[in-house]
N, C-alpha and C. Protein backbone atom coordinates (compact mmCIF):
# COMPACT_ATOMS: atom_id res chain seq x y z
N MET A 1 63.18 19.57 -17.25
CA MET A 1 63.50 20.33 -16.07
C MET A 1 63.42 19.40 -14.85
N THR A 2 64.47 19.39 -14.06
CA THR A 2 64.44 18.60 -12.84
C THR A 2 64.08 19.49 -11.68
N ALA A 3 63.48 18.92 -10.72
CA ALA A 3 63.08 19.65 -9.52
C ALA A 3 63.61 18.91 -8.31
N PRO A 4 64.87 19.13 -7.94
CA PRO A 4 65.47 18.36 -6.85
C PRO A 4 64.75 18.53 -5.52
N PHE A 5 64.02 19.64 -5.34
CA PHE A 5 63.31 19.84 -4.08
C PHE A 5 62.14 18.87 -3.93
N LEU A 6 61.76 18.19 -5.01
CA LEU A 6 60.70 17.19 -4.93
C LEU A 6 61.22 15.87 -4.39
N GLY A 7 62.52 15.70 -4.37
CA GLY A 7 63.11 14.48 -3.84
C GLY A 7 63.84 13.68 -4.89
N THR A 8 64.70 12.82 -4.41
CA THR A 8 65.46 11.92 -5.26
C THR A 8 65.36 10.53 -4.63
N GLY A 9 65.21 9.53 -5.45
CA GLY A 9 65.11 8.17 -4.92
C GLY A 9 65.60 7.15 -5.93
N TRP A 10 65.63 5.92 -5.50
CA TRP A 10 66.04 4.84 -6.38
C TRP A 10 64.99 4.67 -7.47
N ARG A 11 65.45 4.44 -8.68
CA ARG A 11 64.54 4.15 -9.78
C ARG A 11 63.93 2.78 -9.53
N TYR A 12 62.65 2.66 -9.82
CA TYR A 12 61.93 1.40 -9.63
C TYR A 12 61.67 0.77 -10.98
N PRO A 13 62.00 -0.45 -11.23
CA PRO A 13 62.68 -1.36 -10.33
C PRO A 13 64.14 -0.97 -10.16
N VAL A 14 64.70 -1.33 -9.02
CA VAL A 14 66.07 -0.99 -8.68
C VAL A 14 67.00 -1.65 -9.70
N ARG A 15 67.96 -0.85 -10.20
CA ARG A 15 68.94 -1.40 -11.13
C ARG A 15 70.25 -0.63 -11.02
N VAL A 16 71.30 -1.23 -11.53
CA VAL A 16 72.62 -0.65 -11.50
C VAL A 16 72.87 0.07 -12.82
N GLY A 17 73.44 1.27 -12.74
CA GLY A 17 73.73 2.07 -13.92
C GLY A 17 75.06 1.67 -14.56
N PRO A 18 75.40 2.28 -15.68
CA PRO A 18 76.62 1.95 -16.40
C PRO A 18 77.89 2.19 -15.60
N ALA A 19 77.86 3.16 -14.67
CA ALA A 19 79.03 3.47 -13.86
C ALA A 19 79.13 2.57 -12.63
N GLY A 20 78.17 1.69 -12.43
CA GLY A 20 78.21 0.76 -11.32
C GLY A 20 77.38 1.17 -10.12
N GLY A 21 76.85 2.39 -10.09
CA GLY A 21 76.01 2.84 -8.98
C GLY A 21 74.54 2.59 -9.27
N LEU A 22 73.73 2.83 -8.27
CA LEU A 22 72.30 2.68 -8.44
C LEU A 22 71.76 3.80 -9.32
N VAL A 23 70.78 3.49 -10.15
CA VAL A 23 70.13 4.49 -10.99
C VAL A 23 69.11 5.23 -10.12
N LEU A 24 69.20 6.55 -10.13
CA LEU A 24 68.31 7.38 -9.33
C LEU A 24 67.33 8.13 -10.23
N THR A 25 66.27 8.60 -9.64
CA THR A 25 65.29 9.41 -10.34
C THR A 25 64.95 10.60 -9.46
N THR A 26 64.51 11.68 -10.09
CA THR A 26 64.21 12.89 -9.33
C THR A 26 63.01 13.60 -9.94
N GLY A 27 62.46 14.54 -9.20
CA GLY A 27 61.38 15.38 -9.71
C GLY A 27 60.07 14.64 -9.90
N PRO A 28 59.27 15.06 -10.88
CA PRO A 28 57.95 14.46 -11.11
C PRO A 28 58.02 12.95 -11.41
N ASP A 29 59.09 12.52 -12.06
CA ASP A 29 59.24 11.09 -12.35
C ASP A 29 59.39 10.29 -11.06
N GLU A 30 60.09 10.86 -10.09
CA GLU A 30 60.28 10.18 -8.82
C GLU A 30 58.94 10.06 -8.08
N ILE A 31 58.11 11.09 -8.18
CA ILE A 31 56.79 11.04 -7.54
C ILE A 31 55.91 9.99 -8.20
N ALA A 32 55.93 9.92 -9.52
CA ALA A 32 55.14 8.90 -10.23
C ALA A 32 55.60 7.50 -9.84
N GLN A 33 56.90 7.31 -9.71
CA GLN A 33 57.40 5.99 -9.32
C GLN A 33 57.04 5.68 -7.87
N SER A 34 57.00 6.70 -7.02
CA SER A 34 56.59 6.50 -5.65
C SER A 34 55.12 6.08 -5.56
N ILE A 35 54.28 6.71 -6.39
CA ILE A 35 52.87 6.34 -6.43
C ILE A 35 52.73 4.88 -6.86
N TRP A 36 53.47 4.50 -7.91
CA TRP A 36 53.43 3.12 -8.39
C TRP A 36 53.84 2.15 -7.28
N LEU A 37 54.89 2.51 -6.55
CA LEU A 37 55.40 1.65 -5.49
C LEU A 37 54.36 1.47 -4.37
N VAL A 38 53.67 2.55 -4.01
CA VAL A 38 52.62 2.45 -2.99
C VAL A 38 51.53 1.50 -3.47
N LEU A 39 51.10 1.64 -4.72
CA LEU A 39 50.01 0.80 -5.24
C LEU A 39 50.44 -0.65 -5.42
N ALA A 40 51.70 -0.88 -5.71
CA ALA A 40 52.19 -2.24 -5.97
C ALA A 40 52.55 -3.01 -4.70
N THR A 41 52.55 -2.34 -3.56
CA THR A 41 52.95 -2.98 -2.30
C THR A 41 51.71 -3.30 -1.47
N ALA A 42 51.62 -4.55 -1.05
CA ALA A 42 50.53 -4.96 -0.16
C ALA A 42 50.93 -4.69 1.29
N PRO A 43 50.00 -4.20 2.12
CA PRO A 43 50.33 -4.03 3.54
C PRO A 43 50.83 -5.36 4.13
N GLY A 44 51.88 -5.27 4.93
CA GLY A 44 52.49 -6.46 5.52
C GLY A 44 53.65 -6.99 4.70
N GLU A 45 53.84 -6.48 3.51
CA GLU A 45 54.89 -6.97 2.63
C GLU A 45 56.28 -6.49 3.05
N ARG A 46 56.36 -5.34 3.67
CA ARG A 46 57.63 -4.78 4.13
C ARG A 46 57.80 -5.06 5.61
N ALA A 47 58.89 -5.74 5.96
CA ALA A 47 59.10 -6.14 7.35
C ALA A 47 59.20 -4.96 8.30
N MET A 48 59.90 -3.91 7.91
CA MET A 48 60.12 -2.78 8.81
C MET A 48 59.00 -1.73 8.74
N ARG A 49 58.11 -1.85 7.76
CA ARG A 49 56.97 -0.93 7.63
C ARG A 49 55.73 -1.75 7.29
N PRO A 50 55.20 -2.49 8.25
CA PRO A 50 54.11 -3.43 7.94
C PRO A 50 52.82 -2.77 7.49
N THR A 51 52.61 -1.49 7.76
CA THR A 51 51.37 -0.85 7.34
C THR A 51 51.51 -0.14 5.99
N PHE A 52 52.72 -0.11 5.44
CA PHE A 52 52.95 0.57 4.16
C PHE A 52 52.28 -0.21 3.03
N GLY A 53 51.69 0.50 2.09
CA GLY A 53 51.14 -0.13 0.90
C GLY A 53 49.68 0.22 0.69
N CYS A 54 49.08 -0.51 -0.21
CA CYS A 54 47.70 -0.26 -0.62
C CYS A 54 46.87 -1.52 -0.43
N GLY A 55 45.69 -1.36 0.15
CA GLY A 55 44.84 -2.50 0.47
C GLY A 55 44.14 -3.16 -0.70
N ILE A 56 44.44 -2.74 -1.95
CA ILE A 56 43.76 -3.36 -3.09
C ILE A 56 44.11 -4.83 -3.25
N HIS A 57 45.25 -5.23 -2.72
CA HIS A 57 45.69 -6.61 -2.91
C HIS A 57 44.80 -7.62 -2.20
N GLN A 58 44.05 -7.18 -1.20
CA GLN A 58 43.10 -8.09 -0.55
C GLN A 58 41.87 -8.31 -1.41
N LEU A 59 41.75 -7.58 -2.52
CA LEU A 59 40.60 -7.69 -3.41
C LEU A 59 40.89 -8.52 -4.66
N VAL A 60 42.02 -9.20 -4.67
CA VAL A 60 42.45 -9.95 -5.86
C VAL A 60 41.43 -10.99 -6.29
N PHE A 61 40.71 -11.58 -5.36
CA PHE A 61 39.73 -12.61 -5.70
C PHE A 61 38.30 -12.09 -5.67
N SER A 62 38.14 -10.79 -5.73
CA SER A 62 36.81 -10.20 -5.74
C SER A 62 36.22 -10.27 -7.15
N PRO A 63 34.90 -10.33 -7.24
CA PRO A 63 34.28 -10.27 -8.56
C PRO A 63 34.45 -8.87 -9.13
N ASN A 64 34.53 -8.78 -10.43
CA ASN A 64 34.65 -7.48 -11.08
C ASN A 64 33.25 -6.90 -11.21
N ASN A 65 32.86 -6.13 -10.20
CA ASN A 65 31.54 -5.49 -10.22
C ASN A 65 31.69 -4.07 -9.69
N PRO A 66 30.64 -3.27 -9.74
CA PRO A 66 30.76 -1.88 -9.28
C PRO A 66 31.21 -1.73 -7.83
N VAL A 67 30.80 -2.64 -6.97
CA VAL A 67 31.20 -2.57 -5.56
C VAL A 67 32.71 -2.77 -5.43
N ALA A 68 33.24 -3.77 -6.09
CA ALA A 68 34.68 -4.04 -6.03
C ALA A 68 35.48 -2.88 -6.63
N ARG A 69 35.00 -2.31 -7.74
CA ARG A 69 35.69 -1.17 -8.34
C ARG A 69 35.67 0.03 -7.39
N GLY A 70 34.58 0.23 -6.69
CA GLY A 70 34.50 1.30 -5.69
C GLY A 70 35.47 1.06 -4.54
N ASP A 71 35.58 -0.21 -4.11
CA ASP A 71 36.53 -0.55 -3.06
C ASP A 71 37.97 -0.30 -3.50
N VAL A 72 38.29 -0.66 -4.73
CA VAL A 72 39.64 -0.41 -5.26
C VAL A 72 39.93 1.08 -5.24
N GLY A 73 39.00 1.89 -5.73
CA GLY A 73 39.19 3.33 -5.74
C GLY A 73 39.38 3.89 -4.34
N HIS A 74 38.60 3.40 -3.39
CA HIS A 74 38.72 3.85 -2.00
C HIS A 74 40.10 3.52 -1.43
N HIS A 75 40.55 2.28 -1.62
CA HIS A 75 41.85 1.87 -1.10
C HIS A 75 42.99 2.66 -1.73
N VAL A 76 42.90 2.94 -3.03
CA VAL A 76 43.94 3.71 -3.71
C VAL A 76 44.01 5.12 -3.14
N ARG A 77 42.87 5.78 -3.04
CA ARG A 77 42.84 7.14 -2.51
C ARG A 77 43.37 7.18 -1.07
N GLU A 78 42.95 6.23 -0.25
CA GLU A 78 43.38 6.17 1.14
C GLU A 78 44.90 5.97 1.25
N ALA A 79 45.45 5.05 0.47
CA ALA A 79 46.88 4.76 0.53
C ALA A 79 47.72 5.94 0.05
N LEU A 80 47.31 6.56 -1.04
CA LEU A 80 48.08 7.69 -1.55
C LEU A 80 47.99 8.90 -0.63
N THR A 81 46.86 9.11 -0.01
CA THR A 81 46.72 10.21 0.94
C THR A 81 47.64 9.99 2.14
N ARG A 82 47.78 8.75 2.54
CA ARG A 82 48.62 8.45 3.70
C ARG A 82 50.11 8.42 3.37
N TRP A 83 50.48 7.81 2.23
CA TRP A 83 51.89 7.52 1.97
C TRP A 83 52.57 8.44 0.97
N GLU A 84 51.86 9.31 0.30
CA GLU A 84 52.51 10.21 -0.65
C GLU A 84 52.08 11.65 -0.35
N PRO A 85 52.74 12.28 0.64
CA PRO A 85 52.32 13.62 1.07
C PRO A 85 52.69 14.73 0.08
N ARG A 86 53.43 14.42 -0.96
CA ARG A 86 53.82 15.46 -1.93
C ARG A 86 52.73 15.74 -2.95
N ILE A 87 51.63 14.97 -2.90
CA ILE A 87 50.57 15.16 -3.90
C ILE A 87 49.21 15.35 -3.24
N ASP A 88 48.31 15.93 -4.01
CA ASP A 88 46.89 15.93 -3.69
C ASP A 88 46.23 15.01 -4.71
N VAL A 89 45.51 14.02 -4.24
CA VAL A 89 44.79 13.11 -5.14
C VAL A 89 43.52 13.82 -5.59
N LEU A 90 43.43 14.08 -6.89
CA LEU A 90 42.28 14.79 -7.43
C LEU A 90 41.14 13.86 -7.82
N ASP A 91 41.50 12.71 -8.40
CA ASP A 91 40.47 11.79 -8.86
C ASP A 91 41.07 10.39 -8.99
N VAL A 92 40.27 9.40 -8.70
CA VAL A 92 40.64 8.00 -8.92
C VAL A 92 39.49 7.37 -9.69
N GLN A 93 39.79 6.85 -10.88
CA GLN A 93 38.79 6.18 -11.70
C GLN A 93 39.22 4.73 -11.91
N VAL A 94 38.29 3.82 -11.73
CA VAL A 94 38.57 2.40 -11.91
C VAL A 94 37.65 1.90 -13.01
N THR A 95 38.25 1.42 -14.09
CA THR A 95 37.48 0.94 -15.25
C THR A 95 37.99 -0.43 -15.67
N ASP A 96 37.17 -1.12 -16.47
CA ASP A 96 37.60 -2.39 -17.02
C ASP A 96 38.74 -2.16 -18.00
N GLY A 97 39.70 -3.04 -17.98
CA GLY A 97 40.84 -2.94 -18.88
C GLY A 97 40.64 -3.76 -20.14
N PRO A 98 41.59 -3.67 -21.05
CA PRO A 98 41.47 -4.40 -22.31
C PRO A 98 41.63 -5.91 -22.16
N GLY A 99 42.09 -6.36 -21.00
CA GLY A 99 42.32 -7.79 -20.79
C GLY A 99 41.08 -8.55 -20.38
N GLY A 100 39.92 -7.96 -20.52
CA GLY A 100 38.70 -8.64 -20.13
C GLY A 100 38.34 -8.36 -18.69
N PRO A 101 37.44 -9.14 -18.12
CA PRO A 101 36.94 -8.86 -16.78
C PRO A 101 37.97 -9.06 -15.67
N SER A 102 39.11 -9.66 -15.98
CA SER A 102 40.11 -9.87 -14.94
C SER A 102 41.10 -8.71 -14.82
N THR A 103 40.94 -7.68 -15.63
CA THR A 103 41.85 -6.53 -15.59
C THR A 103 41.08 -5.26 -15.29
N LEU A 104 41.55 -4.54 -14.30
CA LEU A 104 41.01 -3.22 -13.99
C LEU A 104 42.11 -2.19 -14.22
N LEU A 105 41.74 -1.05 -14.75
CA LEU A 105 42.69 0.05 -14.90
C LEU A 105 42.35 1.11 -13.87
N VAL A 106 43.33 1.44 -13.05
CA VAL A 106 43.15 2.44 -12.00
C VAL A 106 43.86 3.70 -12.46
N ARG A 107 43.09 4.72 -12.78
CA ARG A 107 43.67 6.00 -13.22
C ARG A 107 43.66 6.95 -12.03
N VAL A 108 44.84 7.48 -11.71
CA VAL A 108 44.99 8.43 -10.61
C VAL A 108 45.38 9.78 -11.20
N ASP A 109 44.57 10.79 -10.96
CA ASP A 109 44.89 12.16 -11.34
C ASP A 109 45.34 12.87 -10.06
N TYR A 110 46.48 13.54 -10.13
CA TYR A 110 47.02 14.16 -8.94
C TYR A 110 47.66 15.50 -9.26
N ARG A 111 47.87 16.29 -8.22
CA ARG A 111 48.55 17.57 -8.32
C ARG A 111 49.76 17.53 -7.40
N ILE A 112 50.91 17.90 -7.92
CA ILE A 112 52.12 17.98 -7.11
C ILE A 112 52.06 19.28 -6.33
N ARG A 113 52.05 19.20 -5.03
CA ARG A 113 51.85 20.37 -4.18
C ARG A 113 52.94 21.43 -4.37
N ALA A 114 54.19 21.03 -4.46
CA ALA A 114 55.30 21.99 -4.51
C ALA A 114 55.33 22.81 -5.80
N THR A 115 54.86 22.24 -6.90
CA THR A 115 54.95 22.93 -8.19
C THR A 115 53.58 23.27 -8.77
N ASN A 116 52.52 22.78 -8.15
CA ASN A 116 51.16 22.97 -8.64
C ASN A 116 50.97 22.39 -10.05
N SER A 117 51.81 21.43 -10.42
CA SER A 117 51.65 20.79 -11.73
C SER A 117 50.82 19.52 -11.56
N PHE A 118 50.18 19.13 -12.65
CA PHE A 118 49.27 17.99 -12.63
C PHE A 118 49.93 16.78 -13.28
N GLY A 119 49.53 15.62 -12.80
CA GLY A 119 50.02 14.38 -13.39
C GLY A 119 48.94 13.33 -13.31
N ASN A 120 49.15 12.25 -14.04
CA ASN A 120 48.25 11.11 -13.93
C ASN A 120 49.04 9.85 -14.15
N LEU A 121 48.50 8.78 -13.66
CA LEU A 121 49.15 7.49 -13.75
C LEU A 121 48.06 6.45 -13.90
N VAL A 122 48.28 5.47 -14.76
CA VAL A 122 47.33 4.37 -14.92
C VAL A 122 48.02 3.10 -14.43
N TYR A 123 47.42 2.50 -13.42
CA TYR A 123 47.97 1.29 -12.80
C TYR A 123 47.06 0.11 -13.13
N PRO A 124 47.61 -0.95 -13.75
CA PRO A 124 46.78 -2.13 -14.03
C PRO A 124 46.65 -2.99 -12.77
N PHE A 125 45.44 -3.38 -12.47
CA PHE A 125 45.18 -4.25 -11.33
C PHE A 125 44.46 -5.48 -11.83
N PHE A 126 44.98 -6.64 -11.48
CA PHE A 126 44.44 -7.90 -12.00
C PHE A 126 43.65 -8.61 -10.92
N VAL A 127 42.39 -8.84 -11.21
CA VAL A 127 41.54 -9.60 -10.29
C VAL A 127 41.38 -11.00 -10.89
N ASN A 128 41.27 -11.97 -10.01
CA ASN A 128 41.09 -13.35 -10.44
C ASN A 128 39.72 -13.78 -9.92
N GLU A 129 38.72 -13.51 -10.71
CA GLU A 129 37.36 -13.80 -10.27
C GLU A 129 37.20 -15.29 -9.96
N GLN A 130 36.56 -15.57 -8.85
CA GLN A 130 36.31 -16.96 -8.48
C GLN A 130 35.23 -17.51 -9.41
N GLN A 131 35.52 -18.62 -9.98
CA GLN A 131 34.56 -19.27 -10.87
C GLN A 131 33.52 -20.02 -10.04
N GLY A 132 32.28 -19.86 -10.41
CA GLY A 132 31.20 -20.60 -9.76
C GLY A 132 30.79 -20.03 -8.40
N ALA A 133 31.29 -18.84 -8.08
CA ALA A 133 30.95 -18.27 -6.77
C ALA A 133 29.70 -17.42 -6.87
């Protein structure tokens, strides 16, 4: 079921479809891709929207400890609250990933306001712990 009232946007990553036009996405899939885009963009990365994005990228060289995981969760919740008004962020959990201490898994549980349906997304975040620090 598509829900065009939720919005339509370019599929991420941007690509050309078989007919030569851009591939679009709509409904809950478009919202999930929008969440991913917010988390994958560092503030200052977009020239025309310098404040757009999520501040987790400044934590790339942080040690993988409870404080850093709390900071990641805070930045994710803050960015999604600001940049994705179609959802309510219900929970953000940051756990160690299968890649060892350099991988964090950020699980976002959310509710789509227009349909009252629930979704979740797991975003991998890679930290590069400083050796000897």
